[in-house]
Amino acid sequence: NLELRVPLLGALGLFPTPAVPPIEAAVFF
């Protein structure tokens, strides 16, 4: 498996939002 992951929301997300549950997008093979 190979994935390119981008955490979107959450404390460590691309758009830091500590009050929002973490959301992650990924492209996979």
PDB file of all heavy atoms in Angstrom:
ATOM      1  N   ASN A   1       0.846  -1.197   0.000  1.00  0.00           N
ATOM      2  CA  ASN A   1       0.000   0.000   0.000  1.00  0.00           C
ATOM      3  C   ASN A   1       0.880   1.245   0.000  1.00  0.00           C
ATOM      4  O   ASN A   1       1.933   1.268   0.648  1.00  0.00           O
ATOM      5  CB  ASN A   1      -0.909   0.032   1.229  1.00  0.00           C
ATOM      6  CG  ASN A   1      -1.667  -1.261   1.441  1.00  0.00           C
ATOM      7  OD1 ASN A   1      -1.238  -2.095   2.220  1.00  0.00           O
ATOM      8  ND2 ASN A   1      -2.769  -1.443   0.740  1.00  0.00           N
ATOM      9  N   LEU A   2       0.421   2.262  -0.711  1.00  0.00           N
ATOM     10  CA  LEU A   2       1.121   3.552  -0.760  1.00  0.00           C
ATOM     11  C   LEU A   2       0.081   4.651  -0.676  1.00  0.00           C
ATOM     12  O   LEU A   2      -0.908   4.637  -1.420  1.00  0.00           O
ATOM     13  CB  LEU A   2       1.931   3.677  -2.043  1.00  0.00           C
ATOM     14  CG  LEU A   2       2.918   4.843  -2.125  1.00  0.00           C
ATOM     15  CD1 LEU A   2       4.031   4.683  -1.085  1.00  0.00           C
ATOM     16  CD2 LEU A   2       3.515   4.947  -3.522  1.00  0.00           C
ATOM     17  N   GLU A   3       0.293   5.612   0.241  1.00  0.00           N
ATOM     18  CA  GLU A   3      -0.652   6.712   0.437  1.00  0.00           C
ATOM     19  C   GLU A   3       0.094   8.034   0.573  1.00  0.00           C
ATOM     20  O   GLU A   3       1.159   8.089   1.199  1.00  0.00           O
ATOM     21  CB  GLU A   3      -1.490   6.503   1.707  1.00  0.00           C
ATOM     22  CG  GLU A   3      -2.619   5.527   1.551  1.00  0.00           C
ATOM     23  CD  GLU A   3      -3.576   5.575   2.731  1.00  0.00           C
ATOM     24  OE1 GLU A   3      -3.348   6.393   3.647  1.00  0.00           O
ATOM     25  OE2 GLU A   3      -4.547   4.820   2.726  1.00  0.00           O
ATOM     26  N   LEU A   4      -0.493   9.076   0.007  1.00  0.00           N
ATOM     27  CA  LEU A   4      -0.041  10.448   0.210  1.00  0.00           C
ATOM     28  C   LEU A   4      -1.120  11.147   1.020  1.00  0.00           C
ATOM     29  O   LEU A   4      -2.216  11.416   0.513  1.00  0.00           O
ATOM     30  CB  LEU A   4       0.185  11.148  -1.131  1.00  0.00           C
ATOM     31  CG  LEU A   4       0.841  12.533  -1.073  1.00  0.00           C
ATOM     32  CD1 LEU A   4       2.245  12.442  -0.470  1.00  0.00           C
ATOM     33  CD2 LEU A   4       0.893  13.165  -2.450  1.00  0.00           C
ATOM     34  N   ARG A   5      -0.815  11.415   2.292  1.00  0.00           N
ATOM     35  CA  ARG A   5      -1.812  11.898   3.239  1.00  0.00           C
ATOM     36  C   ARG A   5      -1.655  13.381   3.517  1.00  0.00           C
ATOM     37  O   ARG A   5      -0.533  13.885   3.595  1.00  0.00           O
ATOM     38  CB  ARG A   5      -1.706  11.132   4.563  1.00  0.00           C
ATOM     39  CG  ARG A   5      -1.919   9.633   4.427  1.00  0.00           C
ATOM     40  CD  ARG A   5      -1.573   8.896   5.704  1.00  0.00           C
ATOM     41  NE  ARG A   5      -1.842   7.460   5.593  1.00  0.00           N
ATOM     42  CZ  ARG A   5      -1.454   6.557   6.473  1.00  0.00           C
ATOM     43  NH1 ARG A   5      -0.750   6.941   7.548  1.00  0.00           N
ATOM     44  NH2 ARG A   5      -1.738   5.286   6.296  1.00  0.00           N
ATOM     45  N   VAL A   6      -2.793  14.044   3.694  1.00  0.00           N
ATOM     46  CA  VAL A   6      -2.812  15.461   4.054  1.00  0.00           C
ATOM     47  C   VAL A   6      -3.821  15.645   5.182  1.00  0.00           C
ATOM     48  O   VAL A   6      -5.033  15.618   4.938  1.00  0.00           O
ATOM     49  CB  VAL A   6      -3.188  16.360   2.861  1.00  0.00           C
ATOM     50  CG1 VAL A   6      -3.151  17.830   3.282  1.00  0.00           C
ATOM     51  CG2 VAL A   6      -2.282  16.116   1.684  1.00  0.00           C
ATOM     52  N   PRO A   7      -3.378  15.786   6.443  1.00  0.00           N
ATOM     53  CA  PRO A   7      -4.317  16.124   7.522  1.00  0.00           C
ATOM     54  C   PRO A   7      -4.895  17.518   7.265  1.00  0.00           C
ATOM     55  O   PRO A   7      -4.148  18.504   7.178  1.00  0.00           O
ATOM     56  CB  PRO A   7      -3.450  16.088   8.778  1.00  0.00           C
ATOM     57  CG  PRO A   7      -2.246  15.268   8.397  1.00  0.00           C
ATOM     58  CD  PRO A   7      -2.023  15.537   6.951  1.00  0.00           C
ATOM     59  N   LEU A   8      -6.205  17.621   7.125  1.00  0.00           N
ATOM     60  CA  LEU A   8      -6.835  18.896   6.794  1.00  0.00           C
ATOM     61  C   LEU A   8      -7.199  19.696   8.038  1.00  0.00           C
ATOM     62  O   LEU A   8      -6.791  20.850   8.187  1.00  0.00           O
ATOM     63  CB  LEU A   8      -8.085  18.640   5.941  1.00  0.00           C
ATOM     64  CG  LEU A   8      -7.853  17.935   4.601  1.00  0.00           C
ATOM     65  CD1 LEU A   8      -9.180  17.679   3.901  1.00  0.00           C
ATOM     66  CD2 LEU A   8      -6.928  18.768   3.724  1.00  0.00           C
ATOM     67  N   LEU A   9      -7.970  19.088   8.934  1.00  0.00           N
ATOM     68  CA  LEU A   9      -8.439  19.772  10.134  1.00  0.00           C
ATOM     69  C   LEU A   9      -7.948  19.040  11.366  1.00  0.00           C
ATOM     70  O   LEU A   9      -7.495  17.900  11.299  1.00  0.00           O
ATOM     71  CB  LEU A   9      -9.965  19.852  10.134  1.00  0.00           C
ATOM     72  CG  LEU A   9     -10.621  20.546   8.925  1.00  0.00           C
ATOM     73  CD1 LEU A   9     -12.131  20.513   9.054  1.00  0.00           C
ATOM     74  CD2 LEU A   9     -10.120  21.969   8.770  1.00  0.00           C
ATOM     75  N   GLY A  10      -8.034  19.708  12.496  1.00  0.00           N
ATOM     76  CA  GLY A  10      -7.533  19.144  13.741  1.00  0.00           C
ATOM     77  C   GLY A  10      -6.333  19.916  14.243  1.00  0.00           C
ATOM     78  O   GLY A  10      -5.843  20.852  13.604  1.00  0.00           O
ATOM     79  N   ALA A  11      -5.819  19.522  15.397  1.00  0.00           N
ATOM     80  CA  ALA A  11      -4.700  20.233  16.010  1.00  0.00           C
ATOM     81  C   ALA A  11      -3.451  20.190  15.142  1.00  0.00           C
ATOM     82  O   ALA A  11      -2.648  21.127  15.153  1.00  0.00           O
ATOM     83  CB  ALA A  11      -4.404  19.638  17.388  1.00  0.00           C
ATOM     84  N   LEU A  12      -3.237  19.106  14.355  1.00  0.00           N
ATOM     85  CA  LEU A  12      -2.056  18.968  13.509  1.00  0.00           C
ATOM     86  C   LEU A  12      -2.381  19.137  12.030  1.00  0.00           C
ATOM     87  O   LEU A  12      -1.570  18.784  11.177  1.00  0.00           O
ATOM     88  CB  LEU A  12      -1.413  17.587  13.740  1.00  0.00           C
ATOM     89  CG  LEU A  12      -0.988  17.267  15.167  1.00  0.00           C
ATOM     90  CD1 LEU A  12      -0.444  15.848  15.255  1.00  0.00           C
ATOM     91  CD2 LEU A  12       0.061  18.260  15.653  1.00  0.00           C
ATOM     92  N   GLY A  13      -3.563  19.675  11.714  1.00  0.00           N
ATOM     93  CA  GLY A  13      -4.000  19.777  10.337  1.00  0.00           C
ATOM     94  C   GLY A  13      -3.384  20.922   9.568  1.00  0.00           C
ATOM     95  O   GLY A  13      -2.721  21.806  10.121  1.00  0.00           O
ATOM     96  N   LEU A  14      -3.608  20.896   8.264  1.00  0.00           N
ATOM     97  CA  LEU A  14      -3.150  21.980   7.398  1.00  0.00           C
ATOM     98  C   LEU A  14      -3.798  23.296   7.811  1.00  0.00           C
ATOM     99  O   LEU A  14      -3.196  24.363   7.708  1.00  0.00           O
ATOM    100  CB  LEU A  14      -3.483  21.633   5.945  1.00  0.00           C
ATOM    101  CG  LEU A  14      -2.930  22.550   4.857  1.00  0.00           C
ATOM    102  CD1 LEU A  14      -1.407  22.538   4.857  1.00  0.00           C
ATOM    103  CD2 LEU A  14      -3.465  22.139   3.492  1.00  0.00           C
ATOM    104  N   PHE A  15      -5.031  23.215   8.274  1.00  0.00           N
ATOM    105  CA  PHE A  15      -5.740  24.368   8.839  1.00  0.00           C
ATOM    106  C   PHE A  15      -6.015  24.040  10.305  1.00  0.00           C
ATOM    107  O   PHE A  15      -7.020  23.394  10.618  1.00  0.00           O
ATOM    108  CB  PHE A  15      -7.051  24.628   8.084  1.00  0.00           C
ATOM    109  CG  PHE A  15      -6.872  24.739   6.603  1.00  0.00           C
ATOM    110  CD1 PHE A  15      -7.134  23.661   5.766  1.00  0.00           C
ATOM    111  CD2 PHE A  15      -6.405  25.924   6.041  1.00  0.00           C
ATOM    112  CE1 PHE A  15      -6.971  23.762   4.410  1.00  0.00           C
ATOM    113  CE2 PHE A  15      -6.240  26.034   4.671  1.00  0.00           C
ATOM    114  CZ  PHE A  15      -6.503  24.947   3.855  1.00  0.00           C
ATOM    115  N   PRO A  16      -5.111  24.411  11.223  1.00  0.00           N
ATOM    116  CA  PRO A  16      -5.235  24.010  12.629  1.00  0.00           C
ATOM    117  C   PRO A  16      -6.555  24.455  13.244  1.00  0.00           C
ATOM    118  O   PRO A  16      -6.876  25.647  13.272  1.00  0.00           O
ATOM    119  CB  PRO A  16      -4.044  24.715  13.305  1.00  0.00           C
ATOM    120  CG  PRO A  16      -3.066  24.958  12.193  1.00  0.00           C
ATOM    121  CD  PRO A  16      -3.904  25.218  10.974  1.00  0.00           C
ATOM    122  N   THR A  17      -7.339  23.501  13.699  1.00  0.00           N
ATOM    123  CA  THR A  17      -8.620  23.752  14.343  1.00  0.00           C
ATOM    124  C   THR A  17      -8.747  22.800  15.528  1.00  0.00           C
ATOM    125  O   THR A  17      -9.336  21.718  15.408  1.00  0.00           O
ATOM    126  CB  THR A  17      -9.785  23.533  13.358  1.00  0.00           C
ATOM    127  OG1 THR A  17      -9.630  22.236  12.759  1.00  0.00           O
ATOM    128  CG2 THR A  17      -9.780  24.588  12.266  1.00  0.00           C
ATOM    129  N   PRO A  18      -8.172  23.152  16.681  1.00  0.00           N
ATOM    130  CA  PRO A  18      -8.187  22.231  17.829  1.00  0.00           C
ATOM    131  C   PRO A  18      -9.577  21.812  18.272  1.00  0.00           C
ATOM    132  O   PRO A  18      -9.748  20.732  18.842  1.00  0.00           O
ATOM    133  CB  PRO A  18      -7.472  23.030  18.921  1.00  0.00           C
ATOM    134  CG  PRO A  18      -6.648  24.048  18.186  1.00  0.00           C
ATOM    135  CD  PRO A  18      -7.439  24.397  16.961  1.00  0.00           C
ATOM    136  N   ALA A  19     -10.595  22.642  18.014  1.00  0.00           N
ATOM    137  CA  ALA A  19     -11.946  22.324  18.475  1.00  0.00           C
ATOM    138  C   ALA A  19     -12.700  21.408  17.520  1.00  0.00           C
ATOM    139  O   ALA A  19     -13.812  20.983  17.823  1.00  0.00           O
ATOM    140  CB  ALA A  19     -12.733  23.615  18.681  1.00  0.00           C
ATOM    141  N   VAL A  20     -12.119  21.085  16.359  1.00  0.00           N
ATOM    142  CA  VAL A  20     -12.786  20.260  15.358  1.00  0.00           C
ATOM    143  C   VAL A  20     -12.115  18.889  15.314  1.00  0.00           C
ATOM    144  O   VAL A  20     -10.881  18.806  15.355  1.00  0.00           O
ATOM    145  CB  VAL A  20     -12.716  20.941  13.970  1.00  0.00           C
ATOM    146  CG1 VAL A  20     -13.349  20.052  12.902  1.00  0.00           C
ATOM    147  CG2 VAL A  20     -13.415  22.289  14.022  1.00  0.00           C
ATOM    148  N   PRO A  21     -12.878  17.788  15.239  1.00  0.00           N
ATOM    149  CA  PRO A  21     -12.263  16.458  15.142  1.00  0.00           C
ATOM    150  C   PRO A  21     -11.344  16.356  13.929  1.00  0.00           C
ATOM    151  O   PRO A  21     -11.626  16.940  12.877  1.00  0.00           O
ATOM    152  CB  PRO A  21     -13.472  15.521  15.008  1.00  0.00           C
ATOM    153  CG  PRO A  21     -14.598  16.265  15.621  1.00  0.00           C
ATOM    154  CD  PRO A  21     -14.351  17.715  15.323  1.00  0.00           C
ATOM    155  N   PRO A  22     -10.242  15.625  14.030  1.00  0.00           N
ATOM    156  CA  PRO A  22      -9.294  15.518  12.923  1.00  0.00           C
ATOM    157  C   PRO A  22      -9.925  14.908  11.672  1.00  0.00           C
ATOM    158  O   PRO A  22     -10.657  13.918  11.741  1.00  0.00           O
ATOM    159  CB  PRO A  22      -8.196  14.607  13.480  1.00  0.00           C
ATOM    160  CG  PRO A  22      -8.300  14.749  14.961  1.00  0.00           C
ATOM    161  CD  PRO A  22      -9.750  14.946  15.247  1.00  0.00           C
ATOM    162  N   ILE A  23      -9.624  15.511  10.525  1.00  0.00           N
ATOM    163  CA  ILE A  23     -10.068  15.026   9.218  1.00  0.00           C
ATOM    164  C   ILE A  23      -8.850  14.968   8.308  1.00  0.00           C
ATOM    165  O   ILE A  23      -8.049  15.897   8.270  1.00  0.00           O
ATOM    166  CB  ILE A  23     -11.155  15.934   8.615  1.00  0.00           C
ATOM    167  CG1 ILE A  23     -12.403  15.928   9.509  1.00  0.00           C
ATOM    168  CG2 ILE A  23     -11.515  15.493   7.203  1.00  0.00           C
ATOM    169  CD1 ILE A  23     -13.510  16.832   9.009  1.00  0.00           C
ATOM    170  N   GLU A  24      -8.721  13.865   7.556  1.00  0.00           N
ATOM    171  CA  GLU A  24      -7.552  13.633   6.713  1.00  0.00           C
ATOM    172  C   GLU A  24      -7.991  13.180   5.329  1.00  0.00           C
ATOM    173  O   GLU A  24      -8.911  12.367   5.187  1.00  0.00           O
ATOM    174  CB  GLU A  24      -6.659  12.569   7.355  1.00  0.00           C
ATOM    175  CG  GLU A  24      -5.467  12.145   6.519  1.00  0.00           C
ATOM    176  CD  GLU A  24      -4.742  10.965   7.136  1.00  0.00           C
ATOM    177  OE1 GLU A  24      -5.254   9.827   7.020  1.00  0.00           O
ATOM    178  OE2 GLU A  24      -3.688  11.176   7.751  1.00  0.00           O
ATOM    179  N   ALA A  25      -7.338  13.705   4.299  1.00  0.00           N
ATOM    180  CA  ALA A  25      -7.557  13.272   2.922  1.00  0.00           C
ATOM    181  C   ALA A  25      -6.315  12.535   2.438  1.00  0.00           C
ATOM    182  O   ALA A  25      -5.196  12.808   2.901  1.00  0.00           O
ATOM    183  CB  ALA A  25      -7.854  14.466   2.019  1.00  0.00           C
ATOM    184  N   ALA A  26      -6.489  11.600   1.501  1.00  0.00           N
ATOM    185  CA  ALA A  26      -5.362  10.801   1.024  1.00  0.00           C
ATOM    186  C   ALA A  26      -5.608  10.341  -0.405  1.00  0.00           C
ATOM    187  O   ALA A  26      -6.750  10.099  -0.808  1.00  0.00           O
ATOM    188  CB  ALA A  26      -5.117   9.597   1.926  1.00  0.00           C
ATOM    189  N   VAL A  27      -4.519  10.240  -1.165  1.00  0.00           N
ATOM    190  CA  VAL A  27      -4.507   9.583  -2.469  1.00  0.00           C
ATOM    191  C   VAL A  27      -3.776   8.258  -2.267  1.00  0.00           C
ATOM    192  O   VAL A  27      -2.694   8.231  -1.672  1.00  0.00           O
ATOM    193  CB  VAL A  27      -3.782  10.443  -3.524  1.00  0.00           C
ATOM    194  CG1 VAL A  27      -3.762   9.747  -4.871  1.00  0.00           C
ATOM    195  CG2 VAL A  27      -4.437  11.818  -3.635  1.00  0.00           C
ATOM    196  N   PHE A  28      -4.332   7.139  -2.761  1.00  0.00           N
ATOM    197  CA  PHE A  28      -3.759   5.840  -2.437  1.00  0.00           C
ATOM    198  C   PHE A  28      -3.644   4.941  -3.664  1.00  0.00           C
ATOM    199  O   PHE A  28      -4.332   5.122  -4.679  1.00  0.00           O
ATOM    200  CB  PHE A  28      -4.596   5.141  -1.365  1.00  0.00           C
ATOM    201  CG  PHE A  28      -5.989   4.754  -1.813  1.00  0.00           C
ATOM    202  CD1 PHE A  28      -6.224   3.557  -2.486  1.00  0.00           C
ATOM    203  CD2 PHE A  28      -7.065   5.584  -1.552  1.00  0.00           C
ATOM    204  CE1 PHE A  28      -7.493   3.200  -2.900  1.00  0.00           C
ATOM    205  CE2 PHE A  28      -8.338   5.228  -1.957  1.00  0.00           C
ATOM    206  CZ  PHE A  28      -8.564   4.041  -2.639  1.00  0.00           C
ATOM    207  N   PHE A  29      -2.768   3.951  -3.529  1.00  0.00           N
ATOM    208  CA  PHE A  29      -2.623   2.863  -4.495  1.00  0.00           C
ATOM    209  C   PHE A  29      -2.433   1.573  -3.702  1.00  0.00           C
ATOM    210  O   PHE A  29      -1.548   1.493  -2.836  1.00  0.00           O
ATOM    211  CB  PHE A  29      -1.427   3.095  -5.425  1.00  0.00           C
ATOM    212  CG  PHE A  29      -1.202   1.967  -6.392  1.00  0.00           C
ATOM    213  CD1 PHE A  29      -1.932   1.885  -7.562  1.00  0.00           C
ATOM    214  CD2 PHE A  29      -0.265   0.976  -6.126  1.00  0.00           C
ATOM    215  CE1 PHE A  29      -1.745   0.848  -8.465  1.00  0.00           C
ATOM    216  CE2 PHE A  29      -0.057  -0.072  -7.014  1.00  0.00           C
ATOM    217  CZ  PHE A  29      -0.805  -0.133  -8.188  1.00  0.00           C
TER     218      PHE A  29
END
